[in-house]
Amino acid sequence: MPETQAEAVATLLREAHETTLGTLATKTDLTEAKAEILLAIKVDLAETKADILKWMIGMIGGAVVVNAMTMIGAMLALIRLVGH
């Protein structure tokens, strides 16, 4: 292989090697990414928990109102039946 061609191949290989090494993640990079992901998951879980609690309280409150209205309606119907 001519010397100029060998130098060109060597240059290309060196640049490819340097580019590849520059894009690899270090242990520190992975640790930081893991911490960010865990934090995001914790925040998402907290928001989901708050949403679930909000809906549960609303549903329980609604059920209490419906049951109270049913009981009042049943008592009024019973009073009307007994009163006649």
C-alpha atoms as a PDB file:
ATOM      1  CA  MET A   1       0.000   0.000   0.000  1.00  0.00           C
ATOM      2  CA  PRO A   2       1.424   3.408  -0.857  1.00  0.00           C
ATOM      3  CA  GLU A   3       2.503   5.539   2.106  1.00  0.00           C
ATOM      4  CA  THR A   4      -0.061   8.305   1.430  1.00  0.00           C
ATOM      5  CA  GLN A   5      -2.886   5.776   1.335  1.00  0.00           C
ATOM      6  CA  ALA A   6      -1.657   4.138   4.564  1.00  0.00           C
ATOM      7  CA  GLU A   7      -1.517   7.548   6.268  1.00  0.00           C
ATOM      8  CA  ALA A   8      -5.079   8.307   5.100  1.00  0.00           C
ATOM      9  CA  VAL A   9      -6.342   4.961   6.440  1.00  0.00           C
ATOM     10  CA  ALA A  10      -4.510   5.505   9.747  1.00  0.00           C
ATOM     11  CA  THR A  11      -6.003   8.989  10.057  1.00  0.00           C
ATOM     12  CA  LEU A  12      -9.508   7.694   9.382  1.00  0.00           C
ATOM     13  CA  LEU A  13      -9.104   4.894  11.915  1.00  0.00           C
ATOM     14  CA  ARG A  14      -7.754   7.302  14.565  1.00  0.00           C
ATOM     15  CA  GLU A  15     -10.638   9.740  14.012  1.00  0.00           C
ATOM     16  CA  ALA A  16     -13.191   6.915  14.154  1.00  0.00           C
ATOM     17  CA  HIS A  17     -11.647   5.610  17.380  1.00  0.00           C
ATOM     18  CA  GLU A  18     -11.606   9.065  19.004  1.00  0.00           C
ATOM     19  CA  THR A  19     -15.200   9.735  17.932  1.00  0.00           C
ATOM     20  CA  THR A  20     -16.398   6.417  19.338  1.00  0.00           C
ATOM     21  CA  LEU A  21     -14.629   6.940  22.677  1.00  0.00           C
ATOM     22  CA  GLY A  22     -16.091  10.412  22.958  1.00  0.00           C
ATOM     23  CA  THR A  23     -19.647   9.098  22.787  1.00  0.00           C
ATOM     24  CA  LEU A  24     -19.314   6.305  25.342  1.00  0.00           C
ATOM     25  CA  ALA A  25     -20.992   6.754  28.720  1.00  0.00           C
ATOM     26  CA  THR A  26     -18.857   6.684  31.838  1.00  0.00           C
ATOM     27  CA  LYS A  27     -19.882   5.179  35.175  1.00  0.00           C
ATOM     28  CA  THR A  28     -20.526   8.723  36.396  1.00  0.00           C
ATOM     29  CA  ASP A  29     -22.786   9.381  33.398  1.00  0.00           C
ATOM     30  CA  LEU A  30     -24.751   6.215  34.145  1.00  0.00           C
ATOM     31  CA  THR A  31     -25.034   7.038  37.858  1.00  0.00           C
ATOM     32  CA  GLU A  32     -26.322  10.541  37.071  1.00  0.00           C
ATOM     33  CA  ALA A  33     -28.804   9.197  34.503  1.00  0.00           C
ATOM     34  CA  LYS A  34     -30.023   6.599  36.995  1.00  0.00           C
ATOM     35  CA  ALA A  35     -30.546   9.265  39.671  1.00  0.00           C
ATOM     36  CA  GLU A  36     -32.490  11.460  37.238  1.00  0.00           C
ATOM     37  CA  ILE A  37     -34.688   8.555  36.148  1.00  0.00           C
ATOM     38  CA  LEU A  38     -35.397   7.494  39.742  1.00  0.00           C
ATOM     39  CA  LEU A  39     -36.314  11.066  40.678  1.00  0.00           C
ATOM     40  CA  ALA A  40     -38.639  11.354  37.691  1.00  0.00           C
ATOM     41  CA  ILE A  41     -40.301   8.060  38.633  1.00  0.00           C
ATOM     42  CA  LYS A  42     -40.766   9.189  42.243  1.00  0.00           C
ATOM     43  CA  VAL A  43     -42.333  12.466  41.098  1.00  0.00           C
ATOM     44  CA  ASP A  44     -44.647  10.643  38.676  1.00  0.00           C
ATOM     45  CA  LEU A  45     -45.692   8.180  41.381  1.00  0.00           C
ATOM     46  CA  ALA A  46     -46.415  10.998  43.833  1.00  0.00           C
ATOM     47  CA  GLU A  47     -48.555  12.789  41.247  1.00  0.00           C
ATOM     48  CA  THR A  48     -50.397   9.565  40.421  1.00  0.00           C
ATOM     49  CA  LYS A  49     -50.999   8.875  44.113  1.00  0.00           C
ATOM     50  CA  ALA A  50     -52.442  12.366  44.578  1.00  0.00           C
ATOM     51  CA  ASP A  51     -54.734  11.888  41.566  1.00  0.00           C
ATOM     52  CA  ILE A  52     -55.948   8.509  42.826  1.00  0.00           C
ATOM     53  CA  LEU A  53     -56.644   9.921  46.305  1.00  0.00           C
ATOM     54  CA  LYS A  54     -58.523  12.856  44.809  1.00  0.00           C
ATOM     55  CA  TRP A  55     -60.738  10.560  42.740  1.00  0.00           C
ATOM     56  CA  MET A  56     -61.296   8.137  45.628  1.00  0.00           C
ATOM     57  CA  ILE A  57     -62.374  10.917  47.986  1.00  0.00           C
ATOM     58  CA  GLY A  58     -64.715  12.273  45.318  1.00  0.00           C
ATOM     59  CA  MET A  59     -66.211   8.846  44.681  1.00  0.00           C
ATOM     60  CA  ILE A  60     -66.669   8.153  48.408  1.00  0.00           C
ATOM     61  CA  GLY A  61     -68.283  11.553  48.894  1.00  0.00           C
ATOM     62  CA  GLY A  62     -70.601  10.910  45.962  1.00  0.00           C
ATOM     63  CA  ALA A  63     -71.529   7.487  47.312  1.00  0.00           C
ATOM     64  CA  VAL A  64     -72.320   8.988  50.733  1.00  0.00           C
ATOM     65  CA  VAL A  65     -74.601  11.578  49.147  1.00  0.00           C
ATOM     66  CA  VAL A  66     -76.379   8.974  46.998  1.00  0.00           C
ATOM     67  CA  ASN A  67     -76.855   6.633  49.975  1.00  0.00           C
ATOM     68  CA  ALA A  68     -78.120   9.468  52.187  1.00  0.00           C
ATOM     69  CA  MET A  69     -80.621  10.533  49.531  1.00  0.00           C
ATOM     70  CA  THR A  70     -81.762   6.934  49.104  1.00  0.00           C
ATOM     71  CA  MET A  71     -82.272   6.505  52.844  1.00  0.00           C
ATOM     72  CA  ILE A  72     -84.193   9.787  53.113  1.00  0.00           C
ATOM     73  CA  GLY A  73     -86.333   8.781  50.135  1.00  0.00           C
ATOM     74  CA  ALA A  74     -87.000   5.367  51.671  1.00  0.00           C
ATOM     75  CA  MET A  75     -87.957   6.941  55.016  1.00  0.00           C
ATOM     76  CA  LEU A  76     -90.325   9.416  53.357  1.00  0.00           C
ATOM     77  CA  ALA A  77     -91.927   6.608  51.365  1.00  0.00           C
ATOM     78  CA  LEU A  78     -92.333   4.560  54.542  1.00  0.00           C
ATOM     79  CA  ILE A  79     -93.848   7.522  56.384  1.00  0.00           C
ATOM     80  CA  ARG A  80     -96.362   8.009  53.571  1.00  0.00           C
ATOM     81  CA  LEU A  81     -97.290   4.313  53.614  1.00  0.00           C
ATOM     82  CA  VAL A  82     -97.679   4.166  57.390  1.00  0.00           C
ATOM     83  CA  GLY A  83     -99.460   7.512  57.538  1.00  0.00           C
ATOM     84  CA  HIS A  84    -102.293   6.322  55.278  1.00  0.00           C
END
